[in-house]
Amino acid sequence: SRRIHKWVHHFVLTDPVGELSTHDIEVEQVAWVPLE
């Protein structure tokens, strides 16, 4: 019952280190997806 104004700042990130994982309980899948 509350009206919320939300801002989401998005960034481009690079130089990834590590392996894809779904350790976060909110996330079911993680994938590298071709841009197209």
PDB file of all heavy atoms in Angstrom:
ATOM      1  N   SER A   1       0.797  -1.234   0.000  1.00  0.00           N
ATOM      2  CA  SER A   1       0.000   0.000   0.000  1.00  0.00           C
ATOM      3  C   SER A   1       0.828   1.282   0.000  1.00  0.00           C
ATOM      4  O   SER A   1       0.302   2.363   0.244  1.00  0.00           O
ATOM      5  CB  SER A   1      -0.957   0.022   1.202  1.00  0.00           C
ATOM      6  OG  SER A   1      -1.815  -1.089   1.151  1.00  0.00           O
ATOM      7  N   ARG A   2       2.114   1.182  -0.262  1.00  0.00           N
ATOM      8  CA  ARG A   2       2.962   2.371  -0.358  1.00  0.00           C
ATOM      9  C   ARG A   2       3.364   2.586  -1.803  1.00  0.00           C
ATOM     10  O   ARG A   2       3.735   1.644  -2.497  1.00  0.00           O
ATOM     11  CB  ARG A   2       4.238   2.197   0.451  1.00  0.00           C
ATOM     12  CG  ARG A   2       4.051   2.235   1.910  1.00  0.00           C
ATOM     13  CD  ARG A   2       5.410   2.205   2.541  1.00  0.00           C
ATOM     14  NE  ARG A   2       5.317   2.128   3.970  1.00  0.00           N
ATOM     15  CZ  ARG A   2       6.343   1.892   4.745  1.00  0.00           C
ATOM     16  NH1 ARG A   2       7.542   1.710   4.216  1.00  0.00           N
ATOM     17  NH2 ARG A   2       6.204   1.845   6.042  1.00  0.00           N
ATOM     18  N   ARG A   3       3.323   3.833  -2.206  1.00  0.00           N
ATOM     19  CA  ARG A   3       3.784   4.183  -3.540  1.00  0.00           C
ATOM     20  C   ARG A   3       5.280   4.488  -3.461  1.00  0.00           C
ATOM     21  O   ARG A   3       5.705   5.314  -2.649  1.00  0.00           O
ATOM     22  CB  ARG A   3       3.017   5.397  -4.048  1.00  0.00           C
ATOM     23  CG  ARG A   3       3.251   5.623  -5.488  1.00  0.00           C
ATOM     24  CD  ARG A   3       2.256   6.539  -6.077  1.00  0.00           C
ATOM     25  NE  ARG A   3       2.689   6.691  -7.453  1.00  0.00           N
ATOM     26  CZ  ARG A   3       2.357   7.653  -8.240  1.00  0.00           C
ATOM     27  NH1 ARG A   3       1.521   8.549  -7.841  1.00  0.00           N
ATOM     28  NH2 ARG A   3       2.817   7.709  -9.460  1.00  0.00           N
ATOM     29  N   ILE A   4       6.074   3.798  -4.295  1.00  0.00           N
ATOM     30  CA  ILE A   4       7.529   3.896  -4.223  1.00  0.00           C
ATOM     31  C   ILE A   4       8.084   4.372  -5.555  1.00  0.00           C
ATOM     32  O   ILE A   4       7.721   3.844  -6.608  1.00  0.00           O
ATOM     33  CB  ILE A   4       8.142   2.532  -3.845  1.00  0.00           C
ATOM     34  CG1 ILE A   4       7.605   2.098  -2.481  1.00  0.00           C
ATOM     35  CG2 ILE A   4       9.671   2.593  -3.843  1.00  0.00           C
ATOM     36  CD1 ILE A   4       7.908   0.677  -2.106  1.00  0.00           C
ATOM     37  N   HIS A   5       8.966   5.368  -5.487  1.00  0.00           N
ATOM     38  CA  HIS A   5       9.686   5.846  -6.669  1.00  0.00           C
ATOM     39  C   HIS A   5      11.079   5.238  -6.597  1.00  0.00           C
ATOM     40  O   HIS A   5      11.815   5.474  -5.643  1.00  0.00           O
ATOM     41  CB  HIS A   5       9.754   7.362  -6.671  1.00  0.00           C
ATOM     42  CG  HIS A   5      10.202   7.937  -7.967  1.00  0.00           C
ATOM     43  ND1 HIS A   5      10.413   9.278  -8.148  1.00  0.00           N
ATOM     44  CD2 HIS A   5      10.475   7.387  -9.170  1.00  0.00           C
ATOM     45  CE1 HIS A   5      10.793   9.517  -9.388  1.00  0.00           C
ATOM     46  NE2 HIS A   5      10.848   8.374 -10.028  1.00  0.00           N
ATOM     47  N   LYS A   6      11.422   4.456  -7.606  1.00  0.00           N
ATOM     48  CA  LYS A   6      12.693   3.736  -7.593  1.00  0.00           C
ATOM     49  C   LYS A   6      13.585   4.201  -8.731  1.00  0.00           C
ATOM     50  O   LYS A   6      13.129   4.368  -9.853  1.00  0.00           O
ATOM     51  CB  LYS A   6      12.454   2.234  -7.719  1.00  0.00           C
ATOM     52  CG  LYS A   6      13.719   1.425  -7.617  1.00  0.00           C
ATOM     53  CD  LYS A   6      13.414  -0.028  -7.375  1.00  0.00           C
ATOM     54  CE  LYS A   6      14.698  -0.783  -7.105  1.00  0.00           C
ATOM     55  NZ  LYS A   6      14.414  -2.123  -6.643  1.00  0.00           N
ATOM     56  N   TRP A   7      14.877   4.408  -8.405  1.00  0.00           N
ATOM     57  CA  TRP A   7      15.918   4.707  -9.384  1.00  0.00           C
ATOM     58  C   TRP A   7      16.882   3.530  -9.396  1.00  0.00           C
ATOM     59  O   TRP A   7      17.287   3.049  -8.329  1.00  0.00           O
ATOM     60  CB  TRP A   7      16.695   5.961  -9.008  1.00  0.00           C
ATOM     61  CG  TRP A   7      15.956   7.234  -9.224  1.00  0.00           C
ATOM     62  CD1 TRP A   7      15.982   8.011 -10.342  1.00  0.00           C
ATOM     63  CD2 TRP A   7      15.091   7.896  -8.311  1.00  0.00           C
ATOM     64  NE1 TRP A   7      15.181   9.115 -10.166  1.00  0.00           N
ATOM     65  CE2 TRP A   7      14.623   9.066  -8.927  1.00  0.00           C
ATOM     66  CE3 TRP A   7      14.652   7.607  -7.014  1.00  0.00           C
ATOM     67  CZ2 TRP A   7      13.753   9.945  -8.311  1.00  0.00           C
ATOM     68  CZ3 TRP A   7      13.783   8.474  -6.395  1.00  0.00           C
ATOM     69  CH2 TRP A   7      13.349   9.631  -7.047  1.00  0.00           C
ATOM     70  N   VAL A   8      17.258   3.089 -10.593  1.00  0.00           N
ATOM     71  CA  VAL A   8      18.243   2.011 -10.727  1.00  0.00           C
ATOM     72  C   VAL A   8      19.356   2.502 -11.654  1.00  0.00           C
ATOM     73  O   VAL A   8      19.128   2.755 -12.830  1.00  0.00           O
ATOM     74  CB  VAL A   8      17.621   0.710 -11.291  1.00  0.00           C
ATOM     75  CG1 VAL A   8      18.665  -0.397 -11.295  1.00  0.00           C
ATOM     76  CG2 VAL A   8      16.390   0.292 -10.497  1.00  0.00           C
ATOM     77  N   HIS A   9      20.556   2.637 -11.087  1.00  0.00           N
ATOM     78  CA  HIS A   9      21.730   3.061 -11.840  1.00  0.00           C
ATOM     79  C   HIS A   9      22.402   1.811 -12.414  1.00  0.00           C
ATOM     80  O   HIS A   9      22.759   0.901 -11.660  1.00  0.00           O
ATOM     81  CB  HIS A   9      22.715   3.808 -10.939  1.00  0.00           C
ATOM     82  CG  HIS A   9      22.117   4.992 -10.262  1.00  0.00           C
ATOM     83  ND1 HIS A   9      21.873   6.179 -10.919  1.00  0.00           N
ATOM     84  CD2 HIS A   9      21.683   5.170  -8.989  1.00  0.00           C
ATOM     85  CE1 HIS A   9      21.333   7.034 -10.082  1.00  0.00           C
ATOM     86  NE2 HIS A   9      21.200   6.454  -8.901  1.00  0.00           N
ATOM     87  N   HIS A  10      22.552   1.778 -13.741  1.00  0.00           N
ATOM     88  CA  HIS A  10      23.187   0.641 -14.407  1.00  0.00           C
ATOM     89  C   HIS A  10      24.543   1.060 -14.969  1.00  0.00           C
ATOM     90  O   HIS A  10      24.695   2.170 -15.471  1.00  0.00           O
ATOM     91  CB  HIS A  10      22.314   0.126 -15.551  1.00  0.00           C
ATOM     92  CG  HIS A  10      21.081  -0.574 -15.083  1.00  0.00           C
ATOM     93  ND1 HIS A  10      19.929   0.090 -14.762  1.00  0.00           N
ATOM     94  CD2 HIS A  10      20.835  -1.884 -14.873  1.00  0.00           C
ATOM     95  CE1 HIS A  10      19.009  -0.786 -14.383  1.00  0.00           C
ATOM     96  NE2 HIS A  10      19.545  -1.987 -14.436  1.00  0.00           N
ATOM     97  N   PHE A  11      25.471   0.118 -14.899  1.00  0.00           N
ATOM     98  CA  PHE A  11      26.826   0.350 -15.381  1.00  0.00           C
ATOM     99  C   PHE A  11      27.250  -0.785 -16.301  1.00  0.00           C
ATOM    100  O   PHE A  11      26.703  -1.883 -16.226  1.00  0.00           O
ATOM    101  CB  PHE A  11      27.809   0.428 -14.190  1.00  0.00           C
ATOM    102  CG  PHE A  11      27.505   1.562 -13.260  1.00  0.00           C
ATOM    103  CD1 PHE A  11      26.631   1.387 -12.201  1.00  0.00           C
ATOM    104  CD2 PHE A  11      28.066   2.806 -13.469  1.00  0.00           C
ATOM    105  CE1 PHE A  11      26.321   2.440 -11.349  1.00  0.00           C
ATOM    106  CE2 PHE A  11      27.763   3.873 -12.622  1.00  0.00           C
ATOM    107  CZ  PHE A  11      26.889   3.687 -11.559  1.00  0.00           C
ATOM    108  N   VAL A  12      28.228  -0.509 -17.144  1.00  0.00           N
ATOM    109  CA  VAL A  12      28.896  -1.545 -17.924  1.00  0.00           C
ATOM    110  C   VAL A  12      30.078  -1.998 -17.077  1.00  0.00           C
ATOM    111  O   VAL A  12      30.852  -1.165 -16.593  1.00  0.00           O
ATOM    112  CB  VAL A  12      29.395  -1.011 -19.286  1.00  0.00           C
ATOM    113  CG1 VAL A  12      30.152  -2.094 -20.037  1.00  0.00           C
ATOM    114  CG2 VAL A  12      28.227  -0.477 -20.110  1.00  0.00           C
ATOM    115  N   LEU A  13      30.189  -3.301 -16.884  1.00  0.00           N
ATOM    116  CA  LEU A  13      31.296  -3.871 -16.125  1.00  0.00           C
ATOM    117  C   LEU A  13      32.105  -4.779 -17.028  1.00  0.00           C
ATOM    118  O   LEU A  13      31.564  -5.399 -17.953  1.00  0.00           O
ATOM    119  CB  LEU A  13      30.783  -4.654 -14.916  1.00  0.00           C
ATOM    120  CG  LEU A  13      30.088  -3.804 -13.842  1.00  0.00           C
ATOM    121  CD1 LEU A  13      28.594  -3.813 -14.053  1.00  0.00           C
ATOM    122  CD2 LEU A  13      30.427  -4.311 -12.474  1.00  0.00           C
ATOM    123  N   THR A  14      33.399  -4.876 -16.748  1.00  0.00           N
ATOM    124  CA  THR A  14      34.292  -5.654 -17.598  1.00  0.00           C
ATOM    125  C   THR A  14      35.339  -6.367 -16.742  1.00  0.00           C
ATOM    126  O   THR A  14      35.354  -6.225 -15.525  1.00  0.00           O
ATOM    127  CB  THR A  14      34.934  -4.747 -18.667  1.00  0.00           C
ATOM    128  OG1 THR A  14      35.637  -5.554 -19.595  1.00  0.00           O
ATOM    129  CG2 THR A  14      35.856  -3.723 -18.054  1.00  0.00           C
ATOM    130  N   ASP A  15      36.224  -7.085 -17.397  1.00  0.00           N
ATOM    131  CA  ASP A  15      37.293  -7.827 -16.738  1.00  0.00           C
ATOM    132  C   ASP A  15      36.767  -8.774 -15.663  1.00  0.00           C
ATOM    133  O   ASP A  15      37.245  -8.771 -14.522  1.00  0.00           O
ATOM    134  CB  ASP A  15      38.339  -6.880 -16.136  1.00  0.00           C
ATOM    135  CG  ASP A  15      38.958  -5.966 -17.172  1.00  0.00           C
ATOM    136  OD1 ASP A  15      39.148  -6.429 -18.318  1.00  0.00           O
ATOM    137  OD2 ASP A  15      39.241  -4.799 -16.851  1.00  0.00           O
ATOM    138  N   PRO A  16      35.773  -9.615 -16.004  1.00  0.00           N
ATOM    139  CA  PRO A  16      35.213 -10.502 -14.989  1.00  0.00           C
ATOM    140  C   PRO A  16      36.211 -11.565 -14.528  1.00  0.00           C
ATOM    141  O   PRO A  16      36.966 -12.112 -15.321  1.00  0.00           O
ATOM    142  CB  PRO A  16      34.023 -11.148 -15.702  1.00  0.00           C
ATOM    143  CG  PRO A  16      34.375 -11.084 -17.148  1.00  0.00           C
ATOM    144  CD  PRO A  16      35.172  -9.821 -17.316  1.00  0.00           C
ATOM    145  N   VAL A  17      36.190 -11.822 -13.236  1.00  0.00           N
ATOM    146  CA  VAL A  17      37.017 -12.857 -12.629  1.00  0.00           C
ATOM    147  C   VAL A  17      36.091 -13.771 -11.847  1.00  0.00           C
ATOM    148  O   VAL A  17      35.217 -13.301 -11.113  1.00  0.00           O
ATOM    149  CB  VAL A  17      38.076 -12.233 -11.687  1.00  0.00           C
ATOM    150  CG1 VAL A  17      38.861 -13.311 -10.968  1.00  0.00           C
ATOM    151  CG2 VAL A  17      38.995 -11.302 -12.455  1.00  0.00           C
ATOM    152  N   GLY A  18      36.285 -15.090 -11.996  1.00  0.00           N
ATOM    153  CA  GLY A  18      35.471 -16.050 -11.263  1.00  0.00           C
ATOM    154  C   GLY A  18      34.650 -16.906 -12.199  1.00  0.00           C
ATOM    155  O   GLY A  18      34.793 -16.837 -13.419  1.00  0.00           O
ATOM    156  N   GLU A  19      33.786 -17.693 -11.603  1.00  0.00           N
ATOM    157  CA  GLU A  19      32.899 -18.592 -12.337  1.00  0.00           C
ATOM    158  C   GLU A  19      31.448 -18.198 -12.066  1.00  0.00           C
ATOM    159  O   GLU A  19      31.114 -17.788 -10.950  1.00  0.00           O
ATOM    160  CB  GLU A  19      33.121 -20.043 -11.886  1.00  0.00           C
ATOM    161  CG  GLU A  19      34.517 -20.567 -12.135  1.00  0.00           C
ATOM    162  CD  GLU A  19      34.819 -20.728 -13.623  1.00  0.00           C
ATOM    163  OE1 GLU A  19      33.897 -21.109 -14.371  1.00  0.00           O
ATOM    164  OE2 GLU A  19      35.962 -20.443 -14.019  1.00  0.00           O
ATOM    165  N   LEU A  20      30.603 -18.353 -13.066  1.00  0.00           N
ATOM    166  CA  LEU A  20      29.183 -18.090 -12.862  1.00  0.00           C
ATOM    167  C   LEU A  20      28.644 -19.027 -11.781  1.00  0.00           C
ATOM    168  O   LEU A  20      28.985 -20.207 -11.751  1.00  0.00           O
ATOM    169  CB  LEU A  20      28.393 -18.314 -14.153  1.00  0.00           C
ATOM    170  CG  LEU A  20      28.683 -17.359 -15.315  1.00  0.00           C
ATOM    171  CD1 LEU A  20      27.815 -17.736 -16.507  1.00  0.00           C
ATOM    172  CD2 LEU A  20      28.460 -15.914 -14.923  1.00  0.00           C
ATOM    173  N   SER A  21      27.817 -18.464 -10.895  1.00  0.00           N
ATOM    174  CA  SER A  21      27.219 -19.297  -9.853  1.00  0.00           C
ATOM    175  C   SER A  21      25.849 -18.759  -9.476  1.00  0.00           C
ATOM    176  O   SER A  21      25.543 -17.595  -9.707  1.00  0.00           O
ATOM    177  CB  SER A  21      28.114 -19.346  -8.609  1.00  0.00           C
ATOM    178  OG  SER A  21      28.051 -18.123  -7.916  1.00  0.00           O
ATOM    179  N   THR A  22      25.063 -19.616  -8.884  1.00  0.00           N
ATOM    180  CA  THR A  22      23.730 -19.244  -8.414  1.00  0.00           C
ATOM    181  C   THR A  22      23.667 -19.362  -6.895  1.00  0.00           C
ATOM    182  O   THR A  22      22.686 -19.834  -6.330  1.00  0.00           O
ATOM    183  CB  THR A  22      22.649 -20.137  -9.056  1.00  0.00           C
ATOM    184  OG1 THR A  22      22.962 -21.507  -8.788  1.00  0.00           O
ATOM    185  CG2 THR A  22      22.548 -19.908 -10.547  1.00  0.00           C
ATOM    186  N   HIS A  23      24.714 -18.904  -6.214  1.00  0.00           N
ATOM    187  CA  HIS A  23      24.747 -18.974  -4.752  1.00  0.00           C
ATOM    188  C   HIS A  23      23.716 -18.056  -4.110  1.00  0.00           C
ATOM    189  O   HIS A  23      23.257 -18.326  -3.008  1.00  0.00           O
ATOM    190  CB  HIS A  23      26.146 -18.630  -4.224  1.00  0.00           C
ATOM    191  CG  HIS A  23      27.155 -19.683  -4.537  1.00  0.00           C
ATOM    192  ND1 HIS A  23      27.157 -20.918  -3.935  1.00  0.00           N
ATOM    193  CD2 HIS A  23      28.184 -19.699  -5.408  1.00  0.00           C
ATOM    194  CE1 HIS A  23      28.149 -21.641  -4.406  1.00  0.00           C
ATOM    195  NE2 HIS A  23      28.780 -20.925  -5.315  1.00  0.00           N
ATOM    196  N   ASP A  24      23.354 -16.973  -4.761  1.00  0.00           N
ATOM    197  CA  ASP A  24      22.359 -16.047  -4.234  1.00  0.00           C
ATOM    198  C   ASP A  24      20.993 -16.732  -4.288  1.00  0.00           C
ATOM    199  O   ASP A  24      20.575 -17.216  -5.342  1.00  0.00           O
ATOM    200  CB  ASP A  24      22.354 -14.760  -5.065  1.00  0.00           C
ATOM    201  CG  ASP A  24      21.501 -13.669  -4.454  1.00  0.00           C
ATOM    202  OD1 ASP A  24      20.287 -13.895  -4.280  1.00  0.00           O
ATOM    203  OD2 ASP A  24      22.034 -12.591  -4.161  1.00  0.00           O
ATOM    204  N   ILE A  25      20.277 -16.752  -3.177  1.00  0.00           N
ATOM    205  CA  ILE A  25      19.003 -17.475  -3.125  1.00  0.00           C
ATOM    206  C   ILE A  25      17.935 -16.872  -4.033  1.00  0.00           C
ATOM    207  O   ILE A  25      16.979 -17.551  -4.390  1.00  0.00           O
ATOM    208  CB  ILE A  25      18.453 -17.584  -1.684  1.00  0.00           C
ATOM    209  CG1 ILE A  25      18.221 -16.198  -1.079  1.00  0.00           C
ATOM    210  CG2 ILE A  25      19.387 -18.394  -0.810  1.00  0.00           C
ATOM    211  CD1 ILE A  25      17.468 -16.212   0.227  1.00  0.00           C
ATOM    212  N   GLU A  26      18.096 -15.604  -4.417  1.00  0.00           N
ATOM    213  CA  GLU A  26      17.118 -14.965  -5.299  1.00  0.00           C
ATOM    214  C   GLU A  26      17.337 -15.336  -6.766  1.00  0.00           C
ATOM    215  O   GLU A  26      16.477 -15.082  -7.598  1.00  0.00           O
ATOM    216  CB  GLU A  26      17.202 -13.447  -5.158  1.00  0.00           C
ATOM    217  CG  GLU A  26      16.873 -12.939  -3.778  1.00  0.00           C
ATOM    218  CD  GLU A  26      17.105 -11.447  -3.635  1.00  0.00           C
ATOM    219  OE1 GLU A  26      17.424 -10.780  -4.630  1.00  0.00           O
ATOM    220  OE2 GLU A  26      16.962 -10.946  -2.512  1.00  0.00           O
ATOM    221  N   VAL A  27      18.487 -15.915  -7.087  1.00  0.00           N
ATOM    222  CA  VAL A  27      18.854 -16.175  -8.479  1.00  0.00           C
ATOM    223  C   VAL A  27      18.739 -17.660  -8.779  1.00  0.00           C
ATOM    224  O   VAL A  27      19.318 -18.494  -8.093  1.00  0.00           O
ATOM    225  CB  VAL A  27      20.290 -15.677  -8.768  1.00  0.00           C
ATOM    226  CG1 VAL A  27      20.712 -16.022 -10.183  1.00  0.00           C
ATOM    227  CG2 VAL A  27      20.387 -14.182  -8.524  1.00  0.00           C
ATOM    228  N   GLU A  28      17.994 -17.986  -9.834  1.00  0.00           N
ATOM    229  CA  GLU A  28      17.829 -19.381 -10.231  1.00  0.00           C
ATOM    230  C   GLU A  28      18.802 -19.794 -11.332  1.00  0.00           C
ATOM    231  O   GLU A  28      19.249 -20.926 -11.368  1.00  0.00           O
ATOM    232  CB  GLU A  28      16.389 -19.610 -10.696  1.00  0.00           C
ATOM    233  CG  GLU A  28      16.070 -21.070 -10.864  1.00  0.00           C
ATOM    234  CD  GLU A  28      14.595 -21.326 -10.968  1.00  0.00           C
ATOM    235  OE1 GLU A  28      13.817 -20.748 -10.182  1.00  0.00           O
ATOM    236  OE2 GLU A  28      14.212 -22.111 -11.859  1.00  0.00           O
ATOM    237  N   GLN A  29      19.104 -18.872 -12.249  1.00  0.00           N
ATOM    238  CA  GLN A  29      20.036 -19.166 -13.332  1.00  0.00           C
ATOM    239  C   GLN A  29      20.906 -17.939 -13.606  1.00  0.00           C
ATOM    240  O   GLN A  29      20.473 -16.810 -13.401  1.00  0.00           O
ATOM    241  CB  GLN A  29      19.304 -19.539 -14.622  1.00  0.00           C
ATOM    242  CG  GLN A  29      18.538 -20.841 -14.558  1.00  0.00           C
ATOM    243  CD  GLN A  29      17.853 -21.146 -15.881  1.00  0.00           C
ATOM    244  OE1 GLN A  29      18.390 -20.881 -16.948  1.00  0.00           O
ATOM    245  NE2 GLN A  29      16.656 -21.696 -15.807  1.00  0.00           N
ATOM    246  N   VAL A  30      22.125 -18.205 -14.083  1.00  0.00           N
ATOM    247  CA  VAL A  30      23.051 -17.159 -14.515  1.00  0.00           C
ATOM    248  C   VAL A  30      23.657 -17.650 -15.821  1.00  0.00           C
ATOM    249  O   VAL A  30      24.024 -18.818 -15.931  1.00  0.00           O
ATOM    250  CB  VAL A  30      24.182 -16.926 -13.491  1.00  0.00           C
ATOM    251  CG1 VAL A  30      25.132 -15.845 -13.970  1.00  0.00           C
ATOM    252  CG2 VAL A  30      23.632 -16.580 -12.132  1.00  0.00           C
ATOM    253  N   ALA A  31      23.770 -16.757 -16.805  1.00  0.00           N
ATOM    254  CA  ALA A  31      24.302 -17.208 -18.096  1.00  0.00           C
ATOM    255  C   ALA A  31      24.977 -16.078 -18.850  1.00  0.00           C
ATOM    256  O   ALA A  31      24.562 -14.919 -18.755  1.00  0.00           O
ATOM    257  CB  ALA A  31      23.168 -17.776 -18.963  1.00  0.00           C
ATOM    258  N   TRP A  32      26.036 -16.465 -19.590  1.00  0.00           N
ATOM    259  CA  TRP A  32      26.577 -15.588 -20.624  1.00  0.00           C
ATOM    260  C   TRP A  32      25.623 -15.705 -21.800  1.00  0.00           C
ATOM    261  O   TRP A  32      25.343 -16.814 -22.268  1.00  0.00           O
ATOM    262  CB  TRP A  32      27.973 -16.035 -21.058  1.00  0.00           C
ATOM    263  CG  TRP A  32      29.058 -15.638 -20.121  1.00  0.00           C
ATOM    264  CD1 TRP A  32      29.673 -16.436 -19.204  1.00  0.00           C
ATOM    265  CD2 TRP A  32      29.668 -14.354 -20.018  1.00  0.00           C
ATOM    266  NE1 TRP A  32      30.622 -15.726 -18.539  1.00  0.00           N
ATOM    267  CE2 TRP A  32      30.653 -14.441 -19.017  1.00  0.00           C
ATOM    268  CE3 TRP A  32      29.482 -13.141 -20.674  1.00  0.00           C
ATOM    269  CZ2 TRP A  32      31.450 -13.364 -18.656  1.00  0.00           C
ATOM    270  CZ3 TRP A  32      30.274 -12.066 -20.315  1.00  0.00           C
ATOM    271  CH2 TRP A  32      31.245 -12.177 -19.320  1.00  0.00           C
ATOM    272  N   VAL A  33      25.105 -14.587 -22.259  1.00  0.00           N
ATOM    273  CA  VAL A  33      24.121 -14.582 -23.339  1.00  0.00           C
ATOM    274  C   VAL A  33      24.680 -13.735 -24.483  1.00  0.00           C
ATOM    275  O   VAL A  33      25.092 -12.588 -24.262  1.00  0.00           O
ATOM    276  CB  VAL A  33      22.775 -14.000 -22.854  1.00  0.00           C
ATOM    277  CG1 VAL A  33      21.767 -13.933 -23.985  1.00  0.00           C
ATOM    278  CG2 VAL A  33      22.233 -14.816 -21.681  1.00  0.00           C
ATOM    279  N   PRO A  34      24.695 -14.279 -25.711  1.00  0.00           N
ATOM    280  CA  PRO A  34      25.117 -13.456 -26.848  1.00  0.00           C
ATOM    281  C   PRO A  34      24.262 -12.190 -26.923  1.00  0.00           C
ATOM    282  O   PRO A  34      23.045 -12.240 -26.708  1.00  0.00           O
ATOM    283  CB  PRO A  34      24.884 -14.360 -28.063  1.00  0.00           C
ATOM    284  CG  PRO A  34      24.924 -15.753 -27.506  1.00  0.00           C
ATOM    285  CD  PRO A  34      24.337 -15.647 -26.117  1.00  0.00           C
ATOM    286  N   LEU A  35      24.895 -11.058 -27.221  1.00  0.00           N
ATOM    287  CA  LEU A  35      24.158  -9.788 -27.257  1.00  0.00           C
ATOM    288  C   LEU A  35      22.963  -9.837 -28.194  1.00  0.00           C
ATOM    289  O   LEU A  35      21.921  -9.264 -27.894  1.00  0.00           O
ATOM    290  CB  LEU A  35      25.079  -8.634 -27.644  1.00  0.00           C
ATOM    291  CG  LEU A  35      26.082  -8.192 -26.581  1.00  0.00           C
ATOM    292  CD1 LEU A  35      26.887  -6.999 -27.069  1.00  0.00           C
ATOM    293  CD2 LEU A  35      25.420  -7.873 -25.261  1.00  0.00           C
ATOM    294  N   GLU A  36      23.112 -10.540 -29.326  1.00  0.00           N
ATOM    295  CA  GLU A  36      21.992 -10.582 -30.273  1.00  0.00           C
ATOM    296  C   GLU A  36      20.800 -11.376 -29.747  1.00  0.00           C
ATOM    297  O   GLU A  36      19.705 -11.284 -30.284  1.00  0.00           O
ATOM    298  CB  GLU A  36      22.437 -11.111 -31.646  1.00  0.00           C
ATOM    299  CG  GLU A  36      22.933 -12.531 -31.656  1.00  0.00           C
ATOM    300  CD  GLU A  36      24.436 -12.656 -31.417  1.00  0.00           C
ATOM    301  OE1 GLU A  36      25.098 -11.648 -31.115  1.00  0.00           O
ATOM    302  OE2 GLU A  36      24.942 -13.769 -31.530  1.00  0.00           O
TER     303      GLU A  36
END
